[in-house]
Amino acid sequence: MNQVKIGKFIAACRKQANLTQMQLAEKLNITDRAVSKWETGKSLPDSSVMLDLCQVLGITVNDLLSGEKISMENSNQKNEQLLLDMAKELEKKNKTIWNAMWTIMTVSIIGLIGGLAIIAFFMPEGPWMLVAILALCVIFLIPCFYALKLEVSVGAYKCKNCGHEIVPTYVQALNAMHRGTTRYLKCPKCNKRTWCKKVLKK
């Protein structure tokens, strides 16, 4: 989807409806700054306001996401293209999140190993050394919890038994035994616990 094109289309439809950015914002219960960001292509309308926006501007969601008014004969083709574009954007977003998760984990592990080496070489043995190690481990766990949140937020876990794709809650994923990004989860379809491999596509 072309955000700049969509933004220009929103601006044109708003002007055609004789509305200022402030008036449109008031009708949608949002700020005029949000409308300005849409029209300059800096962001897209949230799904929560998209239907209301289309109703106010007298357009369809397909028109909005295409950045132009679509004729009936071109509607199906445009729908297919929009779905493909949205799928590509979701895949790209998932890969970005996935890469961020691995970056956080890698940096955290390197930091932990480096910190333990510094403590071992420069601190004398005793209670303060133990306190330093425990503090370092706690600091290491904070990014790990965040990395898990990123892991759970993309894709799904594929059941080894029936192939069903599971989307667990954060707590379920946290409590499950794991080997890397493969987690021991209970499948809601076959009702069995298996090692479920992470897949990015739901």
C-alpha atoms as a PDB file:
ATOM      1  CA  MET A   1       0.000   0.000   0.000  1.00  0.00           C
ATOM      2  CA  ASN A   2       1.201   3.477  -0.881  1.00  0.00           C
ATOM      3  CA  GLN A   3       0.792   5.651   2.233  1.00  0.00           C
ATOM      4  CA  VAL A   4       1.487   8.898   0.383  1.00  0.00           C
ATOM      5  CA  LYS A   5      -1.133   8.082  -2.267  1.00  0.00           C
ATOM      6  CA  ILE A   6      -3.674   7.130   0.422  1.00  0.00           C
ATOM      7  CA  GLY A   7      -2.886  10.353   2.300  1.00  0.00           C
ATOM      8  CA  LYS A   8      -3.475  12.513  -0.777  1.00  0.00           C
ATOM      9  CA  PHE A   9      -6.729  10.640  -1.437  1.00  0.00           C
ATOM     10  CA  ILE A  10      -7.951  11.279   2.136  1.00  0.00           C
ATOM     11  CA  ALA A  11      -7.096  14.967   1.772  1.00  0.00           C
ATOM     12  CA  ALA A  12      -8.932  15.198  -1.565  1.00  0.00           C
ATOM     13  CA  CYS A  13     -12.037  13.418  -0.195  1.00  0.00           C
ATOM     14  CA  ARG A  14     -12.018  15.621   2.917  1.00  0.00           C
ATOM     15  CA  LYS A  15     -11.891  18.793   0.816  1.00  0.00           C
ATOM     16  CA  GLN A  16     -14.608  17.418  -1.456  1.00  0.00           C
ATOM     17  CA  ALA A  17     -16.764  16.939   1.662  1.00  0.00           C
ATOM     18  CA  ASN A  18     -16.032  20.588   2.649  1.00  0.00           C
ATOM     19  CA  LEU A  19     -14.361  19.578   5.905  1.00  0.00           C
ATOM     20  CA  THR A  20     -11.277  20.985   7.578  1.00  0.00           C
ATOM     21  CA  GLN A  21      -8.803  18.647   9.273  1.00  0.00           C
ATOM     22  CA  MET A  22     -10.182  19.814  12.628  1.00  0.00           C
ATOM     23  CA  GLN A  23     -13.794  19.112  11.623  1.00  0.00           C
ATOM     24  CA  LEU A  24     -12.921  15.637  10.339  1.00  0.00           C
ATOM     25  CA  ALA A  25     -10.991  14.935  13.538  1.00  0.00           C
ATOM     26  CA  GLU A  26     -13.969  16.004  15.680  1.00  0.00           C
ATOM     27  CA  LYS A  27     -16.304  13.675  13.772  1.00  0.00           C
ATOM     28  CA  LEU A  28     -13.914  10.765  14.411  1.00  0.00           C
ATOM     29  CA  ASN A  29     -13.070  11.743  18.028  1.00  0.00           C
ATOM     30  CA  ILE A  30      -9.366  11.998  17.249  1.00  0.00           C
ATOM     31  CA  THR A  31      -6.839  14.853  17.019  1.00  0.00           C
ATOM     32  CA  ASP A  32      -6.306  16.964  13.913  1.00  0.00           C
ATOM     33  CA  ARG A  33      -2.630  15.986  14.201  1.00  0.00           C
ATOM     34  CA  ALA A  34      -3.616  12.379  13.418  1.00  0.00           C
ATOM     35  CA  VAL A  35      -5.515  13.541  10.315  1.00  0.00           C
ATOM     36  CA  SER A  36      -2.487  15.596   9.261  1.00  0.00           C
ATOM     37  CA  LYS A  37      -0.239  12.521   9.588  1.00  0.00           C
ATOM     38  CA  TRP A  38      -2.605  10.508   7.371  1.00  0.00           C
ATOM     39  CA  GLU A  39      -2.708  13.196   4.708  1.00  0.00           C
ATOM     40  CA  THR A  40       1.077  13.599   4.610  1.00  0.00           C
ATOM     41  CA  GLY A  41       1.561   9.831   4.340  1.00  0.00           C
ATOM     42  CA  LYS A  42       3.321   9.505   7.700  1.00  0.00           C
ATOM     43  CA  SER A  43       0.784   6.983   9.030  1.00  0.00           C
ATOM     44  CA  LEU A  44      -2.384   5.116   8.104  1.00  0.00           C
ATOM     45  CA  PRO A  45      -5.752   5.295   9.883  1.00  0.00           C
ATOM     46  CA  ASP A  46      -6.184   2.668  12.599  1.00  0.00           C
ATOM     47  CA  SER A  47      -8.667  -0.114  11.906  1.00  0.00           C
ATOM     48  CA  SER A  48     -10.784   1.240  14.794  1.00  0.00           C
ATOM     49  CA  VAL A  49     -11.559   4.479  12.889  1.00  0.00           C
ATOM     50  CA  MET A  50     -11.297   3.244   9.311  1.00  0.00           C
ATOM     51  CA  LEU A  51     -15.003   2.429   8.855  1.00  0.00           C
ATOM     52  CA  ASP A  52     -16.112   5.723  10.410  1.00  0.00           C
ATOM     53  CA  LEU A  53     -13.641   7.631   8.229  1.00  0.00           C
ATOM     54  CA  CYS A  54     -14.970   5.944   5.081  1.00  0.00           C
ATOM     55  CA  GLN A  55     -18.549   6.714   6.112  1.00  0.00           C
ATOM     56  CA  VAL A  56     -17.767  10.397   6.705  1.00  0.00           C
ATOM     57  CA  LEU A  57     -15.895  10.717   3.397  1.00  0.00           C
ATOM     58  CA  GLY A  58     -18.440   8.664   1.429  1.00  0.00           C
ATOM     59  CA  ILE A  59     -15.947   6.056   0.222  1.00  0.00           C
ATOM     60  CA  THR A  60     -15.391   2.314   0.700  1.00  0.00           C
ATOM     61  CA  VAL A  61     -12.540   0.672   2.603  1.00  0.00           C
ATOM     62  CA  ASN A  62     -11.250  -0.644  -0.741  1.00  0.00           C
ATOM     63  CA  ASP A  63     -11.190   2.920  -2.082  1.00  0.00           C
ATOM     64  CA  LEU A  64      -9.303   4.070   1.012  1.00  0.00           C
ATOM     65  CA  LEU A  65      -6.674   1.327   0.923  1.00  0.00           C
ATOM     66  CA  SER A  66      -6.228   1.748  -2.838  1.00  0.00           C
ATOM     67  CA  GLY A  67      -5.912   5.516  -2.582  1.00  0.00           C
ATOM     68  CA  GLU A  68      -8.476   5.984  -5.343  1.00  0.00           C
ATOM     69  CA  LYS A  69     -12.119   5.341  -6.158  1.00  0.00           C
ATOM     70  CA  ILE A  70     -12.551   1.863  -7.624  1.00  0.00           C
ATOM     71  CA  SER A  71     -15.106   1.020 -10.298  1.00  0.00           C
ATOM     72  CA  MET A  72     -17.234  -2.121  -9.822  1.00  0.00           C
ATOM     73  CA  GLU A  73     -15.580  -4.004 -12.717  1.00  0.00           C
ATOM     74  CA  ASN A  74     -12.099  -3.448 -11.241  1.00  0.00           C
ATOM     75  CA  SER A  75     -13.186  -4.176  -7.676  1.00  0.00           C
ATOM     76  CA  ASN A  76     -12.315  -7.909  -7.530  1.00  0.00           C
ATOM     77  CA  GLN A  77      -8.894  -7.382  -9.078  1.00  0.00           C
ATOM     78  CA  LYS A  78      -8.158  -4.527  -6.695  1.00  0.00           C
ATOM     79  CA  ASN A  79      -9.346  -6.633  -3.735  1.00  0.00           C
ATOM     80  CA  GLU A  80      -6.934  -9.412  -4.649  1.00  0.00           C
ATOM     81  CA  GLN A  81      -4.071  -6.929  -5.032  1.00  0.00           C
ATOM     82  CA  LEU A  82      -4.892  -5.297  -1.696  1.00  0.00           C
ATOM     83  CA  LEU A  83      -4.915  -8.674   0.064  1.00  0.00           C
ATOM     84  CA  LEU A  84      -1.550  -9.536  -1.500  1.00  0.00           C
ATOM     85  CA  ASP A  85      -0.094  -6.167  -0.488  1.00  0.00           C
ATOM     86  CA  MET A  86      -1.394  -6.541   3.070  1.00  0.00           C
ATOM     87  CA  ALA A  87       0.020 -10.078   3.288  1.00  0.00           C
ATOM     88  CA  LYS A  88       3.423  -8.824   2.084  1.00  0.00           C
ATOM     89  CA  GLU A  89       3.394  -5.963   4.600  1.00  0.00           C
ATOM     90  CA  LEU A  90       2.471  -8.335   7.427  1.00  0.00           C
ATOM     91  CA  GLU A  91       5.242 -10.733   6.401  1.00  0.00           C
ATOM     92  CA  LYS A  92       7.739  -7.859   6.281  1.00  0.00           C
ATOM     93  CA  LYS A  93       6.607  -6.606   9.705  1.00  0.00           C
ATOM     94  CA  ASN A  94       6.872 -10.123  11.165  1.00  0.00           C
ATOM     95  CA  LYS A  95      10.401 -10.539   9.809  1.00  0.00           C
ATOM     96  CA  THR A  96      11.407  -7.170  11.284  1.00  0.00           C
ATOM     97  CA  ILE A  97      10.035  -8.173  14.700  1.00  0.00           C
ATOM     98  CA  TRP A  98      11.685 -11.599  14.408  1.00  0.00           C
ATOM     99  CA  ASN A  99      15.073 -10.046  13.588  1.00  0.00           C
ATOM    100  CA  ALA A 100      14.673  -7.594  16.501  1.00  0.00           C
ATOM    101  CA  MET A 101      13.972 -10.529  18.838  1.00  0.00           C
ATOM    102  CA  TRP A 102      17.148 -12.352  17.776  1.00  0.00           C
ATOM    103  CA  THR A 103      19.205  -9.144  18.009  1.00  0.00           C
ATOM    104  CA  ILE A 104      17.991  -8.558  21.580  1.00  0.00           C
ATOM    105  CA  MET A 105      18.794 -12.160  22.549  1.00  0.00           C
ATOM    106  CA  THR A 106      22.252 -12.083  20.936  1.00  0.00           C
ATOM    107  CA  VAL A 107      23.230  -8.760  22.529  1.00  0.00           C
ATOM    108  CA  SER A 108      21.888  -9.942  25.917  1.00  0.00           C
ATOM    109  CA  ILE A 109      23.875 -13.206  25.816  1.00  0.00           C
ATOM    110  CA  ILE A 110      27.057 -11.396  24.772  1.00  0.00           C
ATOM    111  CA  GLY A 111      26.470  -8.870  27.570  1.00  0.00           C
ATOM    112  CA  LEU A 112      25.913 -11.665  30.117  1.00  0.00           C
ATOM    113  CA  ILE A 113      29.066 -13.552  29.105  1.00  0.00           C
ATOM    114  CA  GLY A 114      31.087 -10.331  29.026  1.00  0.00           C
ATOM    115  CA  GLY A 115      29.742  -9.250  32.418  1.00  0.00           C
ATOM    116  CA  LEU A 116      30.498 -12.626  34.004  1.00  0.00           C
ATOM    117  CA  ALA A 117      34.044 -12.523  32.593  1.00  0.00           C
ATOM    118  CA  ILE A 118      34.617  -9.021  34.029  1.00  0.00           C
ATOM    119  CA  ILE A 119      33.277 -10.098  37.435  1.00  0.00           C
ATOM    120  CA  ALA A 120      35.439 -13.252  37.435  1.00  0.00           C
ATOM    121  CA  PHE A 121      38.633 -11.380  36.552  1.00  0.00           C
ATOM    122  CA  PHE A 122      38.257  -8.125  38.461  1.00  0.00           C
ATOM    123  CA  MET A 123      36.169  -8.851  41.559  1.00  0.00           C
ATOM    124  CA  PRO A 124      37.524 -10.662  44.588  1.00  0.00           C
ATOM    125  CA  GLU A 125      35.672 -13.794  45.704  1.00  0.00           C
ATOM    126  CA  GLY A 126      33.087 -13.173  48.369  1.00  0.00           C
ATOM    127  CA  PRO A 127      29.502 -12.052  48.958  1.00  0.00           C
ATOM    128  CA  TRP A 128      29.807  -8.978  46.718  1.00  0.00           C
ATOM    129  CA  MET A 129      30.838 -11.182  43.816  1.00  0.00           C
ATOM    130  CA  LEU A 130      27.687 -13.278  44.326  1.00  0.00           C
ATOM    131  CA  VAL A 131      25.535 -10.122  44.497  1.00  0.00           C
ATOM    132  CA  ALA A 132      27.105  -8.839  41.258  1.00  0.00           C
ATOM    133  CA  ILE A 133      26.438 -12.169  39.472  1.00  0.00           C
ATOM    134  CA  LEU A 134      22.812 -12.243  40.660  1.00  0.00           C
ATOM    135  CA  ALA A 135      22.277  -8.603  39.601  1.00  0.00           C
ATOM    136  CA  LEU A 136      23.758  -9.347  36.178  1.00  0.00           C
ATOM    137  CA  CYS A 137      21.459 -12.365  35.750  1.00  0.00           C
ATOM    138  CA  VAL A 138      18.401 -10.255  36.655  1.00  0.00           C
ATOM    139  CA  ILE A 139      19.461  -7.576  34.157  1.00  0.00           C
ATOM    140  CA  PHE A 140      19.913 -10.323  31.534  1.00  0.00           C
ATOM    141  CA  LEU A 141      16.377 -11.656  32.136  1.00  0.00           C
ATOM    142  CA  ILE A 142      14.643  -8.311  31.448  1.00  0.00           C
ATOM    143  CA  PRO A 143      15.464  -8.251  27.683  1.00  0.00           C
ATOM    144  CA  CYS A 144      14.762 -12.008  27.543  1.00  0.00           C
ATOM    145  CA  PHE A 145      11.164 -11.435  28.720  1.00  0.00           C
ATOM    146  CA  TYR A 146      10.775  -8.707  26.104  1.00  0.00           C
ATOM    147  CA  ALA A 147      12.272 -10.942  23.393  1.00  0.00           C
ATOM    148  CA  LEU A 148       9.723 -13.639  24.299  1.00  0.00           C
ATOM    149  CA  LYS A 149       6.930 -11.078  23.932  1.00  0.00           C
ATOM    150  CA  LEU A 150       8.200 -10.318  20.419  1.00  0.00           C
ATOM    151  CA  GLU A 151       8.454 -14.036  19.640  1.00  0.00           C
ATOM    152  CA  VAL A 152       4.842 -14.686  20.685  1.00  0.00           C
ATOM    153  CA  SER A 153       3.536 -11.632  18.785  1.00  0.00           C
ATOM    154  CA  VAL A 154       4.448 -13.010  15.343  1.00  0.00           C
ATOM    155  CA  GLY A 155       3.416 -16.179  13.558  1.00  0.00           C
ATOM    156  CA  ALA A 156       2.359 -19.314  15.410  1.00  0.00           C
ATOM    157  CA  TYR A 157       3.676 -22.605  16.818  1.00  0.00           C
ATOM    158  CA  LYS A 158       2.975 -25.657  14.632  1.00  0.00           C
ATOM    159  CA  CYS A 159       1.776 -28.802  16.418  1.00  0.00           C
ATOM    160  CA  LYS A 160       4.029 -31.735  15.530  1.00  0.00           C
ATOM    161  CA  ASN A 161       1.145 -34.176  15.954  1.00  0.00           C
ATOM    162  CA  CYS A 162      -1.670 -32.677  13.832  1.00  0.00           C
ATOM    163  CA  GLY A 163      -0.118 -29.653  12.132  1.00  0.00           C
ATOM    164  CA  HIS A 164      -2.498 -27.182  13.800  1.00  0.00           C
ATOM    165  CA  GLU A 165      -0.989 -23.700  14.291  1.00  0.00           C
ATOM    166  CA  ILE A 166      -1.188 -22.557  17.909  1.00  0.00           C
ATOM    167  CA  VAL A 167      -1.101 -18.937  19.066  1.00  0.00           C
ATOM    168  CA  PRO A 168      -0.463 -19.145  22.832  1.00  0.00           C
ATOM    169  CA  THR A 169      -0.741 -16.334  25.323  1.00  0.00           C
ATOM    170  CA  TYR A 170       2.452 -14.779  26.682  1.00  0.00           C
ATOM    171  CA  VAL A 171       2.007 -16.662  29.995  1.00  0.00           C
ATOM    172  CA  GLN A 172       1.493 -20.008  28.227  1.00  0.00           C
ATOM    173  CA  ALA A 173       4.649 -19.488  26.158  1.00  0.00           C
ATOM    174  CA  LEU A 174       6.597 -18.328  29.227  1.00  0.00           C
ATOM    175  CA  ASN A 175       5.611 -21.410  31.250  1.00  0.00           C
ATOM    176  CA  ALA A 176       6.286 -23.876  28.412  1.00  0.00           C
ATOM    177  CA  MET A 177       9.550 -25.797  28.198  1.00  0.00           C
ATOM    178  CA  HIS A 178      11.501 -24.743  25.132  1.00  0.00           C
ATOM    179  CA  ARG A 179      14.422 -25.500  22.870  1.00  0.00           C
ATOM    180  CA  GLY A 180      15.224 -22.217  21.165  1.00  0.00           C
ATOM    181  CA  THR A 181      11.938 -21.108  19.568  1.00  0.00           C
ATOM    182  CA  THR A 182      10.387 -24.600  19.725  1.00  0.00           C
ATOM    183  CA  ARG A 183       8.028 -24.872  22.705  1.00  0.00           C
ATOM    184  CA  TYR A 184       6.290 -27.752  24.449  1.00  0.00           C
ATOM    185  CA  LEU A 185       2.634 -26.734  24.147  1.00  0.00           C
ATOM    186  CA  LYS A 186      -0.801 -28.321  24.424  1.00  0.00           C
ATOM    187  CA  CYS A 187      -2.619 -28.276  21.092  1.00  0.00           C
ATOM    188  CA  PRO A 188      -6.283 -27.173  21.378  1.00  0.00           C
ATOM    189  CA  LYS A 189      -7.182 -29.285  18.305  1.00  0.00           C
ATOM    190  CA  CYS A 190      -5.709 -32.732  19.087  1.00  0.00           C
ATOM    191  CA  ASN A 191      -5.492 -32.030  22.843  1.00  0.00           C
ATOM    192  CA  LYS A 192      -1.938 -33.414  23.041  1.00  0.00           C
ATOM    193  CA  ARG A 193       1.290 -31.831  24.261  1.00  0.00           C
ATOM    194  CA  THR A 194       4.051 -31.814  21.652  1.00  0.00           C
ATOM    195  CA  TRP A 195       7.140 -29.843  20.725  1.00  0.00           C
ATOM    196  CA  CYS A 196       5.690 -27.100  18.521  1.00  0.00           C
ATOM    197  CA  LYS A 197       8.002 -25.391  16.074  1.00  0.00           C
ATOM    198  CA  LYS A 198       7.704 -21.646  15.481  1.00  0.00           C
ATOM    199  CA  VAL A 199       6.450 -20.604  12.048  1.00  0.00           C
ATOM    200  CA  LEU A 200       6.197 -16.964  10.990  1.00  0.00           C
ATOM    201  CA  LYS A 201       3.134 -17.385   8.763  1.00  0.00           C
ATOM    202  CA  LYS A 202      -0.128 -17.941  10.650  1.00  0.00           C
END
